[in-house]
Amino acid sequence: MASISFEFYPPKTDEQRAQLRRTVAKLKPHAPDYVSVTFGAGGSTLSYTPDIVRELRDVHGLDAAPHVSCMGGTRKEIADLLAQYQAMGCRRIVALRGDLPSGMASYGDFRYASELVEFIRRQFDGFFHIEVACYPETHPQARDAHLDVRHFAAKVKAGANGAITQYFFNPDAYFRFVDEARAHGVEIPIVPGIMPISQYFQLRRFSELCGAEIPRWIGNRLEAYRDDVDSIRSFGAEVVAGLCRRLIEGGAPALHFYTLNLSKPTLAALERLD
């Protein structure tokens, strides 16, 4: 099977911390290449991220890659944060534009992720392996699909080493996007992001926000199960495992799972995939 990685978000409460630790313990046996840690929507959990990265590295022995956003931050603030990760021994980061933090009117010193990538390359002289984001079904704020691919290519030209896609359920969207990126000179690995399915209405809400399309046949079946959680999870696991098989067979270099700090949906898909 292709190599895998997992994404976690930093917990805020004791209950959430306990949940994350249980999830990590159950997913760790699958030997992920690395795990990433988000900073939260609008930078809301930025202060928690370094603590979780340190715990994942020191307690669980995982290669933890923090997300770093440029929204609302100054060059000095971002450089200080990166220096902290460098001191921890983090060699991989995920560099994103992110959302403007709540209550802030200024974008900060950087407007685009390509500027952040260029800054990291210049300031840290190749220390970090930089992952960036891309959108097979087009970023929801992009003016058009062609311009979105060009923006992605600009991030790569600025110095990105790899890319992780937004999740999707149509493998053709991924393969088409990869072909278009290659036509723009992009040669780095483009790893598909995978969203395990556990709750339909939560998935629909996330998908509306990030511009990911839920194919009609999948949505209709999930909606028909209503409150039958077991059936939703079983059907969702089959859908996600089938998607992963198509991607691996089509040449995807790895798989990156958005766990939402839950183990069961990801494990169910992995078990069917194995």
Protein backbone atom coordinates (compact mmCIF):
# COMPACT_ATOMS: atom_id res chain seq x y z
CA MET A 1 0.00 0.00 0.00
CA ALA A 2 1.07 3.61 -0.52
CA SER A 3 2.60 5.47 2.40
CA ILE A 4 0.15 7.37 4.60
CA SER A 5 0.02 10.38 6.88
CA PHE A 6 -2.59 11.72 9.29
CA GLU A 7 -3.81 15.19 10.17
CA PHE A 8 -4.84 16.16 13.72
CA TYR A 9 -6.11 19.40 15.19
CA PRO A 10 -4.92 20.79 18.54
CA PRO A 11 -7.39 20.06 21.37
CA LYS A 12 -8.51 22.83 23.71
CA THR A 13 -10.04 20.86 26.61
CA ASP A 14 -8.93 17.94 28.77
CA GLU A 15 -11.60 15.77 27.17
CA GLN A 16 -10.38 16.65 23.69
CA ARG A 17 -6.78 15.95 24.71
CA ALA A 18 -7.76 12.52 26.01
CA GLN A 19 -9.63 11.84 22.76
CA LEU A 20 -6.60 12.80 20.67
CA ARG A 21 -4.31 10.55 22.73
CA ARG A 22 -6.66 7.60 22.23
CA THR A 23 -6.79 8.30 18.50
CA VAL A 24 -3.02 8.57 18.18
CA ALA A 25 -2.55 5.29 20.05
CA LYS A 26 -4.92 3.50 17.64
CA LEU A 27 -3.55 5.02 14.43
CA LYS A 28 0.15 4.87 15.29
CA PRO A 29 0.45 1.11 14.49
CA HIS A 30 -0.20 1.99 10.82
CA ALA A 31 3.26 3.60 10.79
CA PRO A 32 2.47 6.98 9.20
CA ASP A 33 5.30 8.75 7.39
CA TYR A 34 4.37 11.81 9.43
CA VAL A 35 1.42 13.50 11.11
CA SER A 36 0.41 17.12 10.66
CA VAL A 37 -1.11 19.47 13.23
CA THR A 38 -3.40 22.31 12.19
CA PHE A 39 -3.47 25.79 13.65
CA GLY A 40 -7.29 25.96 13.71
CA ALA A 41 -9.68 28.09 11.71
CA GLY A 42 -8.64 31.71 11.67
CA GLY A 43 -5.57 30.95 13.77
CA SER A 44 -7.81 30.25 16.77
CA THR A 45 -5.63 27.45 18.12
CA LEU A 46 -2.23 28.69 17.00
CA SER A 47 -0.91 28.83 20.56
CA TYR A 48 -1.85 25.15 21.14
CA THR A 49 -0.12 23.78 18.05
CA PRO A 50 3.51 23.79 19.30
CA ASP A 51 2.51 21.92 22.48
CA ILE A 52 0.78 19.16 20.51
CA VAL A 53 3.64 18.94 18.02
CA ARG A 54 6.06 18.50 20.92
CA GLU A 55 3.91 15.79 22.52
CA LEU A 56 3.51 13.86 19.28
CA ARG A 57 7.25 13.96 18.74
CA ASP A 58 8.52 13.38 22.28
CA VAL A 59 5.85 11.07 23.72
CA HIS A 60 4.67 9.15 20.66
CA GLY A 61 7.83 9.26 18.55
CA LEU A 62 5.99 10.58 15.50
CA ASP A 63 7.36 12.96 12.89
CA ALA A 64 4.98 15.87 13.53
CA ALA A 65 4.61 18.61 10.93
CA PRO A 66 2.99 21.83 12.16
CA HIS A 67 0.77 23.95 9.95
CA VAL A 68 1.98 27.53 9.63
CA SER A 69 -0.32 30.27 8.35
CA CYS A 70 0.76 33.71 7.21
CA MET A 71 -2.60 35.42 7.79
CA GLY A 72 -2.39 38.23 10.34
CA GLY A 73 1.24 37.53 11.22
CA THR A 74 4.33 39.69 10.90
CA ARG A 75 7.62 38.47 9.47
CA LYS A 76 9.12 38.46 12.97
CA GLU A 77 6.23 36.49 14.51
CA ILE A 78 6.37 33.86 11.78
CA ALA A 79 10.17 33.67 11.92
CA ASP A 80 10.05 33.23 15.71
CA LEU A 81 7.49 30.44 15.38
CA LEU A 82 9.53 28.69 12.71
CA ALA A 83 12.67 29.03 14.84
CA GLN A 84 10.77 27.32 17.67
CA TYR A 85 9.88 24.42 15.38
CA GLN A 86 13.45 24.28 14.11
CA ALA A 87 14.70 24.01 17.70
CA MET A 88 12.27 21.10 18.27
CA GLY A 89 13.79 19.31 15.31
CA CYS A 90 10.76 19.61 13.03
CA ARG A 91 12.02 19.26 9.47
CA ARG A 92 8.61 19.26 7.76
CA ILE A 93 5.99 22.01 7.88
CA VAL A 94 2.74 22.73 6.06
CA ALA A 95 2.75 26.34 4.81
CA LEU A 96 -0.66 27.85 4.19
CA ARG A 97 -2.28 31.18 3.60
CA GLY A 98 -5.00 30.34 6.11
CA ASP A 99 -7.93 32.48 7.20
CA LEU A 100 -7.73 35.94 8.69
CA PRO A 101 -7.94 35.55 12.49
CA SER A 102 -11.26 36.63 13.99
CA GLY A 103 -11.36 40.31 14.88
CA MET A 104 -8.27 41.22 12.85
CA ALA A 105 -8.53 43.69 9.99
CA SER A 106 -5.01 43.30 8.61
CA TYR A 107 -3.71 40.45 6.48
CA GLY A 108 -0.27 40.80 8.05
CA ASP A 109 3.03 40.99 6.20
CA PHE A 110 2.13 38.26 3.71
CA ARG A 111 -0.95 38.09 1.52
CA TYR A 112 -0.36 34.78 -0.25
CA ALA A 113 1.08 31.37 0.59
CA SER A 114 3.66 31.74 -2.17
CA GLU A 115 5.12 34.72 -0.28
CA LEU A 116 5.27 32.65 2.91
CA VAL A 117 7.03 29.78 1.13
CA GLU A 118 9.58 32.16 -0.38
CA PHE A 119 10.19 33.74 3.05
CA ILE A 120 10.76 30.35 4.70
CA ARG A 121 13.17 29.30 1.96
CA ARG A 122 15.14 32.54 2.30
CA GLN A 123 15.19 32.73 6.11
CA PHE A 124 15.91 29.08 6.91
CA ASP A 125 18.10 28.15 3.96
CA GLY A 126 16.44 24.85 3.06
CA PHE A 127 16.10 23.50 6.60
CA PHE A 128 12.38 22.75 6.22
CA HIS A 129 10.63 20.38 3.86
CA ILE A 130 7.63 22.52 2.88
CA GLU A 131 4.22 21.08 2.06
CA VAL A 132 1.58 23.36 0.52
CA ALA A 133 -2.13 22.99 -0.21
CA CYS A 134 -3.89 22.60 -3.53
CA TYR A 135 -7.48 22.15 -4.69
CA PRO A 136 -8.43 19.56 -7.33
CA GLU A 137 -11.95 21.01 -7.49
CA THR A 138 -10.66 24.63 -7.36
CA HIS A 139 -10.23 26.86 -4.32
CA PRO A 140 -13.63 28.32 -3.33
CA GLN A 141 -12.23 31.86 -3.52
CA ALA A 142 -10.42 31.43 -6.84
CA ARG A 143 -11.55 33.56 -9.76
CA ASP A 144 -11.40 30.55 -12.08
CA ALA A 145 -9.94 27.05 -12.25
CA HIS A 146 -7.08 27.95 -14.62
CA LEU A 147 -5.90 30.81 -12.43
CA ASP A 148 -6.07 28.53 -9.38
CA VAL A 149 -3.63 26.08 -11.00
CA ARG A 150 -1.29 28.96 -11.83
CA HIS A 151 -1.39 30.12 -8.19
CA PHE A 152 -0.48 26.59 -7.12
CA ALA A 153 2.41 26.54 -9.58
CA ALA A 154 3.62 29.85 -8.09
CA LYS A 155 3.81 28.24 -4.63
CA VAL A 156 5.85 25.41 -6.05
CA LYS A 157 8.18 27.81 -7.87
CA ALA A 158 8.66 29.68 -4.57
CA GLY A 159 10.16 26.54 -3.05
CA ALA A 160 7.51 23.98 -2.00
CA ASN A 161 8.70 20.38 -1.78
CA GLY A 162 5.32 18.68 -1.82
CA ALA A 163 1.59 19.32 -1.87
CA ILE A 164 -1.48 17.95 -0.10
CA THR A 165 -4.85 18.35 -1.76
CA GLN A 166 -8.15 19.38 -0.27
CA TYR A 167 -10.31 16.28 0.11
CA PHE A 168 -12.55 15.14 -2.75
CA PHE A 169 -14.61 12.10 -3.68
CA ASN A 170 -14.17 12.15 -7.45
CA PRO A 171 -10.79 10.62 -8.37
CA ASP A 172 -11.00 12.04 -11.90
CA ALA A 173 -10.82 15.53 -10.39
CA TYR A 174 -7.50 14.62 -8.79
CA PHE A 175 -5.99 13.03 -11.90
CA ARG A 176 -7.10 15.94 -14.07
CA PHE A 177 -5.62 18.45 -11.61
CA VAL A 178 -2.31 16.58 -11.51
CA ASP A 179 -2.15 16.59 -15.33
CA GLU A 180 -2.82 20.34 -15.41
CA ALA A 181 -0.23 21.01 -12.73
CA ARG A 182 2.37 18.96 -14.64
CA ALA A 183 1.56 20.99 -17.75
CA HIS A 184 2.46 24.12 -15.71
CA GLY A 185 5.86 22.66 -14.82
CA VAL A 186 4.95 21.28 -11.38
CA GLU A 187 7.06 18.20 -10.63
CA ILE A 188 6.66 17.81 -6.84
CA PRO A 189 4.55 14.97 -5.34
CA ILE A 190 0.85 15.86 -5.13
CA VAL A 191 -0.66 13.78 -2.32
CA PRO A 192 -4.45 13.38 -2.23
CA GLY A 193 -6.15 14.42 0.98
CA ILE A 194 -8.70 11.85 2.17
CA MET A 195 -11.72 12.63 4.35
CA PRO A 196 -13.14 9.55 6.13
CA ILE A 197 -16.94 9.62 6.43
CA SER A 198 -18.62 9.37 9.82
CA GLN A 199 -21.44 11.96 9.86
CA TYR A 200 -23.26 13.11 6.74
CA PHE A 201 -24.44 16.54 7.88
CA GLN A 202 -21.03 17.44 9.30
CA LEU A 203 -19.43 16.33 6.04
CA ARG A 204 -21.91 18.39 4.02
CA ARG A 205 -21.19 21.48 6.13
CA PHE A 206 -17.42 21.08 5.76
CA SER A 207 -17.76 20.49 2.03
CA GLU A 208 -19.84 23.62 1.50
CA LEU A 209 -17.20 25.69 3.30
CA CYS A 210 -14.18 24.34 1.45
CA GLY A 211 -15.68 23.81 -1.99
CA ALA A 212 -15.44 20.01 -2.01
CA GLU A 213 -18.16 18.28 -4.01
CA ILE A 214 -20.07 15.32 -2.56
CA PRO A 215 -21.26 13.30 -5.58
CA ARG A 216 -25.04 13.10 -5.71
CA TRP A 217 -25.15 9.31 -5.42
CA ILE A 218 -23.05 9.40 -2.25
CA GLY A 219 -25.08 12.22 -0.71
CA ASN A 220 -28.38 10.51 -1.47
CA ARG A 221 -27.32 7.26 0.17
CA LEU A 222 -25.86 8.96 3.23
CA GLU A 223 -28.98 11.06 3.66
CA ALA A 224 -31.20 7.98 3.32
CA TYR A 225 -29.47 6.35 6.30
CA ARG A 226 -30.57 9.30 8.47
CA ASP A 227 -29.57 8.47 12.08
CA ASP A 228 -28.25 4.98 11.35
CA VAL A 229 -24.67 5.72 12.39
CA ASP A 230 -23.37 2.18 11.82
CA SER A 231 -24.70 2.08 8.26
CA ILE A 232 -23.27 5.52 7.50
CA ARG A 233 -19.85 4.49 8.75
CA SER A 234 -19.90 1.16 6.90
CA PHE A 235 -20.99 2.73 3.62
CA GLY A 236 -18.57 5.64 4.12
CA ALA A 237 -15.67 3.27 4.72
CA GLU A 238 -16.42 1.38 1.50
CA VAL A 239 -16.61 4.64 -0.47
CA VAL A 240 -13.36 5.99 0.96
CA ALA A 241 -11.49 2.69 0.55
CA GLY A 242 -12.67 2.48 -3.06
CA LEU A 243 -11.48 6.03 -3.66
CA CYS A 244 -8.08 5.21 -2.15
CA ARG A 245 -7.72 2.13 -4.35
CA ARG A 246 -8.42 4.17 -7.48
CA LEU A 247 -5.91 6.79 -6.44
CA ILE A 248 -3.16 4.29 -5.64
CA GLU A 249 -3.76 2.37 -8.87
CA GLY A 250 -3.63 5.67 -10.75
CA GLY A 251 -0.23 6.57 -9.33
CA ALA A 252 -0.94 8.74 -6.28
CA PRO A 253 2.35 8.93 -4.32
CA ALA A 254 0.77 8.66 -0.84
CA LEU A 255 -2.48 9.26 1.08
CA HIS A 256 -3.09 11.97 3.70
CA PHE A 257 -6.06 11.32 6.02
CA TYR A 258 -8.00 14.16 7.66
CA THR A 259 -8.84 12.31 10.88
CA LEU A 260 -10.77 15.05 12.75
CA ASN A 261 -9.06 13.47 15.81
CA LEU A 262 -11.18 10.32 15.41
CA SER A 263 -9.74 6.86 14.84
CA LYS A 264 -12.71 4.69 13.85
CA PRO A 265 -13.60 6.23 10.44
CA THR A 266 -9.96 6.22 9.30
CA LEU A 267 -9.31 2.71 10.62
CA ALA A 268 -12.45 1.37 8.93
CA ALA A 269 -11.26 2.67 5.55
CA LEU A 270 -7.70 1.41 6.10
CA GLU A 271 -8.90 -2.07 7.07
CA ARG A 272 -10.93 -2.35 3.86
CA LEU A 273 -8.05 -0.96 1.86
CA ASP A 274 -5.60 -3.51 3.27
